[in-house]
Structure formats: C-alpha cells, structure tokens
Amino acid sequence: MSEPEIADKKPAVLELEIGTYWWCRCGRSKTQPWCDGSHKGTEFSPVEVRIEEKRRYAMCVCKHTGNQPFCDGTHKTL
C-alpha cells in the first residue's frame, strides 16, 4: 500500500456535532481533515466517522496515526 500524503504535522482540533463525517485517509483533500474526493484514482478511501457526543476532537491530519481518524501524536516523529 502507498503512503498517504502528510497534509500537516499537527492535528485539526475541532468542535464536532453529533453526526457522520468522512475522514480523508489519502492526505490530498483540500478540506482537511475531511474527504473532498481527491483520493479518486488512488488505492485510498475515506474513513466513516460517527460522532456520538458533541465535544472537541483532535483529528489526525498527518495520516499516520495508529488510531484513525484521531490524533495519537505520531506527527511528532515524522
């Protein structure tokens, strides 16, 4: 499998409403951390994220987290 592009080396900390979101896995999206369809033609596909509690979340933008789609600090080692 190819490596995703690193969109940023810090998380996107967002207040999210309850609902369903699509997290960009490829790193190409212009609407990070969310998918905008830029993965088309690659082996990547977005990750469905179901938020069940309104609060702040740290969403991974480096695309190398071990806890997709949430930041686990991996960006500090890239």
PDB file of N, CA and C in Angstrom:
ATOM      1  N   MET A   1       0.837  -1.183   0.000  1.00  0.00           N
ATOM      2  CA  MET A   1       0.000   0.000   0.000  1.00  0.00           C
ATOM      3  C   MET A   1       0.879   1.241   0.000  1.00  0.00           C
ATOM      4  N   SER A   2       0.482   2.238  -0.744  1.00  0.00           N
ATOM      5  CA  SER A   2       1.206   3.507  -0.803  1.00  0.00           C
ATOM      6  C   SER A   2       1.085   4.263   0.517  1.00  0.00           C
ATOM      7  N   GLU A   3       2.003   5.171   0.728  1.00  0.00           N
ATOM      8  CA  GLU A   3       1.951   6.027   1.905  1.00  0.00           C
ATOM      9  C   GLU A   3       1.049   7.225   1.617  1.00  0.00           C
ATOM     10  N   PRO A   4       0.223   7.631   2.583  1.00  0.00           N
ATOM     11  CA  PRO A   4      -0.589   8.826   2.381  1.00  0.00           C
ATOM     12  C   PRO A   4       0.278  10.074   2.425  1.00  0.00           C
ATOM     13  N   GLU A   5      -0.206  11.149   1.824  1.00  0.00           N
ATOM     14  CA  GLU A   5       0.489  12.431   1.896  1.00  0.00           C
ATOM     15  C   GLU A   5       0.284  13.031   3.282  1.00  0.00           C
ATOM     16  N   ILE A   6       1.318  13.675   3.793  1.00  0.00           N
ATOM     17  CA  ILE A   6       1.210  14.361   5.078  1.00  0.00           C
ATOM     18  C   ILE A   6       0.610  15.734   4.799  1.00  0.00           C
ATOM     19  N   ALA A   7      -0.627  15.943   5.219  1.00  0.00           N
ATOM     20  CA  ALA A   7      -1.299  17.215   4.965  1.00  0.00           C
ATOM     21  C   ALA A   7      -0.815  18.291   5.936  1.00  0.00           C
ATOM     22  N   ASP A   8      -0.450  17.889   7.154  1.00  0.00           N
ATOM     23  CA  ASP A   8       0.056  18.824   8.164  1.00  0.00           C
ATOM     24  C   ASP A   8       0.690  18.000   9.274  1.00  0.00           C
ATOM     25  N   LYS A   9       1.566  18.615  10.035  1.00  0.00           N
ATOM     26  CA  LYS A   9       2.214  17.919  11.144  1.00  0.00           C
ATOM     27  C   LYS A   9       1.670  18.380  12.489  1.00  0.00           C
ATOM     28  N   LYS A  10       0.376  18.663  12.503  1.00  0.00           N
ATOM     29  CA  LYS A  10      -0.340  18.948  13.741  1.00  0.00           C
ATOM     30  C   LYS A  10      -1.791  18.544  13.512  1.00  0.00           C
ATOM     31  N   PRO A  11      -2.513  18.207  14.579  1.00  0.00           N
ATOM     32  CA  PRO A  11      -3.900  17.786  14.401  1.00  0.00           C
ATOM     33  C   PRO A  11      -4.821  18.966  14.122  1.00  0.00           C
ATOM     34  N   ALA A  12      -5.986  18.652  13.603  1.00  0.00           N
ATOM     35  CA  ALA A  12      -7.063  19.635  13.470  1.00  0.00           C
ATOM     36  C   ALA A  12      -7.944  19.437  14.701  1.00  0.00           C
ATOM     37  N   VAL A  13      -7.953  20.412  15.588  1.00  0.00           N
ATOM     38  CA  VAL A  13      -8.772  20.317  16.796  1.00  0.00           C
ATOM     39  C   VAL A  13     -10.084  21.025  16.503  1.00  0.00           C
ATOM     40  N   LEU A  14     -11.171  20.247  16.505  1.00  0.00           N
ATOM     41  CA  LEU A  14     -12.472  20.739  16.054  1.00  0.00           C
ATOM     42  C   LEU A  14     -13.570  20.396  17.041  1.00  0.00           C
ATOM     43  N   GLU A  15     -14.510  21.307  17.194  1.00  0.00           N
ATOM     44  CA  GLU A  15     -15.743  21.037  17.938  1.00  0.00           C
ATOM     45  C   GLU A  15     -16.687  20.371  16.941  1.00  0.00           C
ATOM     46  N   LEU A  16     -16.997  19.113  17.179  1.00  0.00           N
ATOM     47  CA  LEU A  16     -17.834  18.371  16.239  1.00  0.00           C
ATOM     48  C   LEU A  16     -19.220  18.120  16.825  1.00  0.00           C
ATOM     49  N   GLU A  17     -20.202  18.288  15.975  1.00  0.00           N
ATOM     50  CA  GLU A  17     -21.587  17.977  16.306  1.00  0.00           C
ATOM     51  C   GLU A  17     -21.804  16.478  16.142  1.00  0.00           C
ATOM     52  N   ILE A  18     -22.828  15.968  16.760  1.00  0.00           N
ATOM     53  CA  ILE A  18     -23.209  14.575  16.575  1.00  0.00           C
ATOM     54  C   ILE A  18     -23.555  14.371  15.102  1.00  0.00           C
ATOM     55  N   GLY A  19     -23.043  13.298  14.529  1.00  0.00           N
ATOM     56  CA  GLY A  19     -23.325  13.019  13.130  1.00  0.00           C
ATOM     57  C   GLY A  19     -22.264  12.140  12.503  1.00  0.00           C
ATOM     58  N   THR A  20     -22.336  12.010  11.186  1.00  0.00           N
ATOM     59  CA  THR A  20     -21.411  11.180  10.419  1.00  0.00           C
ATOM     60  C   THR A  20     -20.542  12.070   9.546  1.00  0.00           C
ATOM     61  N   TYR A  21     -19.255  11.806   9.566  1.00  0.00           N
ATOM     62  CA  TYR A  21     -18.261  12.558   8.806  1.00  0.00           C
ATOM     63  C   TYR A  21     -17.420  11.552   8.025  1.00  0.00           C
ATOM     64  N   TRP A  22     -16.704  12.040   7.010  1.00  0.00           N
ATOM     65  CA  TRP A  22     -15.791  11.198   6.225  1.00  0.00           C
ATOM     66  C   TRP A  22     -14.386  11.779   6.320  1.00  0.00           C
ATOM     67  N   TRP A  23     -13.517  11.066   7.032  1.00  0.00           N
ATOM     68  CA  TRP A  23     -12.139  11.496   7.265  1.00  0.00           C
ATOM     69  C   TRP A  23     -11.262  11.131   6.071  1.00  0.00           C
ATOM     70  N   CYS A  24     -10.491  12.090   5.612  1.00  0.00           N
ATOM     71  CA  CYS A  24      -9.567  11.875   4.496  1.00  0.00           C
ATOM     72  C   CYS A  24      -8.425  10.971   4.944  1.00  0.00           C
ATOM     73  N   ARG A  25      -8.215   9.890   4.233  1.00  0.00           N
ATOM     74  CA  ARG A  25      -7.133   8.956   4.542  1.00  0.00           C
ATOM     75  C   ARG A  25      -5.910   9.185   3.647  1.00  0.00           C
ATOM     76  N   CYS A  26      -6.121   9.782   2.466  1.00  0.00           N
ATOM     77  CA  CYS A  26      -5.028   9.909   1.494  1.00  0.00           C
ATOM     78  C   CYS A  26      -4.128  11.121   1.742  1.00  0.00           C
ATOM     79  N   GLY A  27      -4.652  12.158   2.394  1.00  0.00           N
ATOM     80  CA  GLY A  27      -3.882  13.373   2.637  1.00  0.00           C
ATOM     81  C   GLY A  27      -3.970  14.402   1.530  1.00  0.00           C
ATOM     82  N   ARG A  28      -4.704  14.112   0.463  1.00  0.00           N
ATOM     83  CA  ARG A  28      -4.785  15.020  -0.686  1.00  0.00           C
ATOM     84  C   ARG A  28      -5.919  16.049  -0.588  1.00  0.00           C
ATOM     85  N   SER A  29      -6.883  15.816   0.273  1.00  0.00           N
ATOM     86  CA  SER A  29      -8.068  16.672   0.347  1.00  0.00           C
ATOM     87  C   SER A  29      -7.694  18.122   0.672  1.00  0.00           C
ATOM     88  N   LYS A  30      -8.398  19.048   0.049  1.00  0.00           N
ATOM     89  CA  LYS A  30      -8.218  20.482   0.333  1.00  0.00           C
ATOM     90  C   LYS A  30      -9.097  20.918   1.500  1.00  0.00           C
ATOM     91  N   THR A  31      -9.931  20.001   2.015  1.00  0.00           N
ATOM     92  CA  THR A  31     -10.825  20.308   3.133  1.00  0.00           C
ATOM     93  C   THR A  31     -10.453  19.490   4.368  1.00  0.00           C
ATOM     94  N   GLN A  32      -9.164  19.367   4.645  1.00  0.00           N
ATOM     95  CA  GLN A  32      -8.667  18.582   5.774  1.00  0.00           C
ATOM     96  C   GLN A  32      -9.381  18.975   7.070  1.00  0.00           C
ATOM     97  N   PRO A  33      -9.686  17.992   7.902  1.00  0.00           N
ATOM     98  CA  PRO A  33      -9.345  16.580   7.801  1.00  0.00           C
ATOM     99  C   PRO A  33     -10.376  15.751   7.027  1.00  0.00           C
ATOM    100  N   TRP A  34     -11.317  16.426   6.388  1.00  0.00           N
ATOM    101  CA  TRP A  34     -12.422  15.729   5.725  1.00  0.00           C
ATOM    102  C   TRP A  34     -12.139  15.442   4.256  1.00  0.00           C
ATOM    103  N   CYS A  35     -12.752  14.398   3.756  1.00  0.00           N
ATOM    104  CA  CYS A  35     -12.607  13.976   2.372  1.00  0.00           C
ATOM    105  C   CYS A  35     -13.320  14.934   1.423  1.00  0.00           C
ATOM    106  N   ASP A  36     -12.665  15.250   0.314  1.00  0.00           N
ATOM    107  CA  ASP A  36     -13.292  16.035  -0.761  1.00  0.00           C
ATOM    108  C   ASP A  36     -13.285  15.269  -2.083  1.00  0.00           C
ATOM    109  N   GLY A  37     -12.960  13.973  -2.021  1.00  0.00           N
ATOM    110  CA  GLY A  37     -12.947  13.147  -3.222  1.00  0.00           C
ATOM    111  C   GLY A  37     -11.607  13.094  -3.926  1.00  0.00           C
ATOM    112  N   SER A  38     -10.587  13.747  -3.387  1.00  0.00           N
ATOM    113  CA  SER A  38      -9.265  13.784  -4.034  1.00  0.00           C
ATOM    114  C   SER A  38      -8.586  12.426  -4.106  1.00  0.00           C
ATOM    115  N   HIS A  39      -9.088  11.441  -3.392  1.00  0.00           N
ATOM    116  CA  HIS A  39      -8.495  10.097  -3.403  1.00  0.00           C
ATOM    117  C   HIS A  39      -8.828   9.330  -4.679  1.00  0.00           C
ATOM    118  N   LYS A  40      -9.765   9.824  -5.460  1.00  0.00           N
ATOM    119  CA  LYS A  40     -10.169   9.101  -6.674  1.00  0.00           C
ATOM    120  C   LYS A  40      -8.946   8.816  -7.547  1.00  0.00           C
ATOM    121  N   GLY A  41      -8.826   7.577  -7.988  1.00  0.00           N
ATOM    122  CA  GLY A  41      -7.683   7.155  -8.782  1.00  0.00           C
ATOM    123  C   GLY A  41      -6.535   6.633  -7.940  1.00  0.00           C
ATOM    124  N   THR A  42      -6.692   6.609  -6.615  1.00  0.00           N
ATOM    125  CA  THR A  42      -5.670   6.065  -5.720  1.00  0.00           C
ATOM    126  C   THR A  42      -6.238   4.814  -5.053  1.00  0.00           C
ATOM    127  N   GLU A  43      -5.433   4.170  -4.248  1.00  0.00           N
ATOM    128  CA  GLU A  43      -5.896   2.997  -3.514  1.00  0.00           C
ATOM    129  C   GLU A  43      -6.553   3.366  -2.186  1.00  0.00           C
ATOM    130  N   PHE A  44      -6.616   4.657  -1.887  1.00  0.00           N
ATOM    131  CA  PHE A  44      -7.187   5.117  -0.624  1.00  0.00           C
ATOM    132  C   PHE A  44      -8.685   5.341  -0.725  1.00  0.00           C
ATOM    133  N   SER A  45      -9.352   5.222   0.406  1.00  0.00           N
ATOM    134  CA  SER A  45     -10.764   5.565   0.517  1.00  0.00           C
ATOM    135  C   SER A  45     -10.963   6.234   1.874  1.00  0.00           C
ATOM    136  N   PRO A  46     -11.983   7.086   2.002  1.00  0.00           N
ATOM    137  CA  PRO A  46     -12.186   7.790   3.267  1.00  0.00           C
ATOM    138  C   PRO A  46     -12.680   6.850   4.370  1.00  0.00           C
ATOM    139  N   VAL A  47     -12.551   7.315   5.603  1.00  0.00           N
ATOM    140  CA  VAL A  47     -12.981   6.559   6.777  1.00  0.00           C
ATOM    141  C   VAL A  47     -14.248   7.213   7.323  1.00  0.00           C
ATOM    142  N   GLU A  48     -15.282   6.417   7.493  1.00  0.00           N
ATOM    143  CA  GLU A  48     -16.516   6.920   8.083  1.00  0.00           C
ATOM    144  C   GLU A  48     -16.305   7.135   9.581  1.00  0.00           C
ATOM    145  N   VAL A  49     -16.682   8.311  10.058  1.00  0.00           N
ATOM    146  CA  VAL A  49     -16.525   8.670  11.465  1.00  0.00           C
ATOM    147  C   VAL A  49     -17.906   9.000  12.019  1.00  0.00           C
ATOM    148  N   ARG A  50     -18.320   8.276  13.041  1.00  0.00           N
ATOM    149  CA  ARG A  50     -19.608   8.547  13.685  1.00  0.00           C
ATOM    150  C   ARG A  50     -19.348   9.206  15.034  1.00  0.00           C
ATOM    151  N   ILE A  51     -19.737  10.442  15.138  1.00  0.00           N
ATOM    152  CA  ILE A  51     -19.566  11.201  16.370  1.00  0.00           C
ATOM    153  C   ILE A  51     -20.863  11.096  17.162  1.00  0.00           C
ATOM    154  N   GLU A  52     -20.756  10.626  18.389  1.00  0.00           N
ATOM    155  CA  GLU A  52     -21.940  10.410  19.216  1.00  0.00           C
ATOM    156  C   GLU A  52     -22.027  11.368  20.392  1.00  0.00           C
ATOM    157  N   GLU A  53     -21.006  12.237  20.531  1.00  0.00           N
ATOM    158  CA  GLU A  53     -21.006  13.225  21.611  1.00  0.00           C
ATOM    159  C   GLU A  53     -20.432  14.525  21.070  1.00  0.00           C
ATOM    160  N   LYS A  54     -21.178  15.618  21.233  1.00  0.00           N
ATOM    161  CA  LYS A  54     -20.673  16.921  20.800  1.00  0.00           C
ATOM    162  C   LYS A  54     -19.562  17.345  21.762  1.00  0.00           C
ATOM    163  N   ARG A  55     -18.357  17.522  21.227  1.00  0.00           N
ATOM    164  CA  ARG A  55     -17.198  17.997  22.003  1.00  0.00           C
ATOM    165  C   ARG A  55     -16.051  18.260  21.051  1.00  0.00           C
ATOM    166  N   ARG A  56     -14.913  18.648  21.607  1.00  0.00           N
ATOM    167  CA  ARG A  56     -13.712  18.892  20.797  1.00  0.00           C
ATOM    168  C   ARG A  56     -12.983  17.569  20.575  1.00  0.00           C
ATOM    169  N   TYR A  57     -12.526  17.383  19.330  1.00  0.00           N
ATOM    170  CA  TYR A  57     -11.772  16.197  18.950  1.00  0.00           C
ATOM    171  C   TYR A  57     -10.501  16.640  18.237  1.00  0.00           C
ATOM    172  N   ALA A  58      -9.410  15.908  18.439  1.00  0.00           N
ATOM    173  CA  ALA A  58      -8.163  16.143  17.716  1.00  0.00           C
ATOM    174  C   ALA A  58      -8.118  15.126  16.578  1.00  0.00           C
ATOM    175  N   MET A  59      -8.355  15.616  15.377  1.00  0.00           N
ATOM    176  CA  MET A  59      -8.402  14.761  14.193  1.00  0.00           C
ATOM    177  C   MET A  59      -7.014  14.720  13.546  1.00  0.00           C
ATOM    178  N   CYS A  60      -6.554  13.543  13.195  1.00  0.00           N
ATOM    179  CA  CYS A  60      -5.250  13.384  12.565  1.00  0.00           C
ATOM    180  C   CYS A  60      -5.240  14.031  11.181  1.00  0.00           C
ATOM    181  N   VAL A  61      -4.190  14.785  10.900  1.00  0.00           N
ATOM    182  CA  VAL A  61      -4.006  15.372   9.580  1.00  0.00           C
ATOM    183  C   VAL A  61      -2.698  14.884   8.945  1.00  0.00           C
ATOM    184  N   CYS A  62      -1.818  14.255   9.731  1.00  0.00           N
ATOM    185  CA  CYS A  62      -0.587  13.703   9.156  1.00  0.00           C
ATOM    186  C   CYS A  62      -0.848  12.378   8.444  1.00  0.00           C
ATOM    187  N   LYS A  63      -1.972  11.740   8.770  1.00  0.00           N
ATOM    188  CA  LYS A  63      -2.430  10.487   8.143  1.00  0.00           C
ATOM    189  C   LYS A  63      -1.614   9.262   8.537  1.00  0.00           C
ATOM    190  N   HIS A  64      -0.824   9.366   9.586  1.00  0.00           N
ATOM    191  CA  HIS A  64      -0.009   8.238  10.033  1.00  0.00           C
ATOM    192  C   HIS A  64      -0.376   7.754  11.434  1.00  0.00           C
ATOM    193  N   THR A  65      -1.464   8.251  11.999  1.00  0.00           N
ATOM    194  CA  THR A  65      -1.889   7.847  13.332  1.00  0.00           C
ATOM    195  C   THR A  65      -2.163   6.352  13.403  1.00  0.00           C
ATOM    196  N   GLY A  66      -1.997   5.788  14.557  1.00  0.00           N
ATOM    197  CA  GLY A  66      -2.362   4.400  14.787  1.00  0.00           C
ATOM    198  C   GLY A  66      -3.783   4.283  15.313  1.00  0.00           C
ATOM    199  N   ASN A  67      -4.478   5.421  15.425  1.00  0.00           N
ATOM    200  CA  ASN A  67      -5.827   5.474  15.985  1.00  0.00           C
ATOM    201  C   ASN A  67      -6.754   6.241  15.043  1.00  0.00           C
ATOM    202  N   GLN A  68      -6.787   5.849  13.765  1.00  0.00           N
ATOM    203  CA  GLN A  68      -7.584   6.571  12.769  1.00  0.00           C
ATOM    204  C   GLN A  68      -9.020   6.726  13.217  1.00  0.00           C
ATOM    205  N   PRO A  69      -9.576   7.890  13.104  1.00  0.00           N
ATOM    206  CA  PRO A  69      -9.106   9.117  12.488  1.00  0.00           C
ATOM    207  C   PRO A  69      -8.537  10.116  13.497  1.00  0.00           C
ATOM    208  N   PHE A  70      -8.352   9.670  14.732  1.00  0.00           N
ATOM    209  CA  PHE A  70      -7.946  10.586  15.793  1.00  0.00           C
ATOM    210  C   PHE A  70      -6.432  10.664  15.945  1.00  0.00           C
ATOM    211  N   CYS A  71      -5.964  11.822  16.323  1.00  0.00           N
ATOM    212  CA  CYS A  71      -4.527  12.056  16.515  1.00  0.00           C
ATOM    213  C   CYS A  71      -4.020  11.248  17.704  1.00  0.00           C
ATOM    214  N   ASP A  72      -2.870  10.606  17.534  1.00  0.00           N
ATOM    215  CA  ASP A  72      -2.211   9.887  18.625  1.00  0.00           C
ATOM    216  C   ASP A  72      -0.798  10.415  18.869  1.00  0.00           C
ATOM    217  N   GLY A  73      -0.460  11.556  18.232  1.00  0.00           N
ATOM    218  CA  GLY A  73       0.847  12.167  18.425  1.00  0.00           C
ATOM    219  C   GLY A  73       1.917  11.700  17.457  1.00  0.00           C
ATOM    220  N   THR A  74       1.587  10.800  16.540  1.00  0.00           N
ATOM    221  CA  THR A  74       2.566  10.279  15.593  1.00  0.00           C
ATOM    222  C   THR A  74       3.239  11.397  14.797  1.00  0.00           C
ATOM    223  N   HIS A  75       2.517  12.500  14.535  1.00  0.00           N
ATOM    224  CA  HIS A  75       3.065  13.603  13.739  1.00  0.00           C
ATOM    225  C   HIS A  75       4.366  14.149  14.326  1.00  0.00           C
ATOM    226  N   LYS A  76       4.577  13.962  15.615  1.00  0.00           N
ATOM    227  CA  LYS A  76       5.786  14.472  16.278  1.00  0.00           C
ATOM    228  C   LYS A  76       7.044  13.713  15.835  1.00  0.00           C
ATOM    229  N   THR A  77       6.865  12.539  15.245  1.00  0.00           N
ATOM    230  CA  THR A  77       8.016  11.711  14.847  1.00  0.00           C
ATOM    231  C   THR A  77       8.257  11.730  13.335  1.00  0.00           C
ATOM    232  N   LEU A  78       7.450  12.467  12.608  1.00  0.00           N
ATOM    233  CA  LEU A  78       7.578  12.476  11.132  1.00  0.00           C
ATOM    234  C   LEU A  78       8.576  13.530  10.670  1.00  0.00           C
TER     235      LEU A  78
END
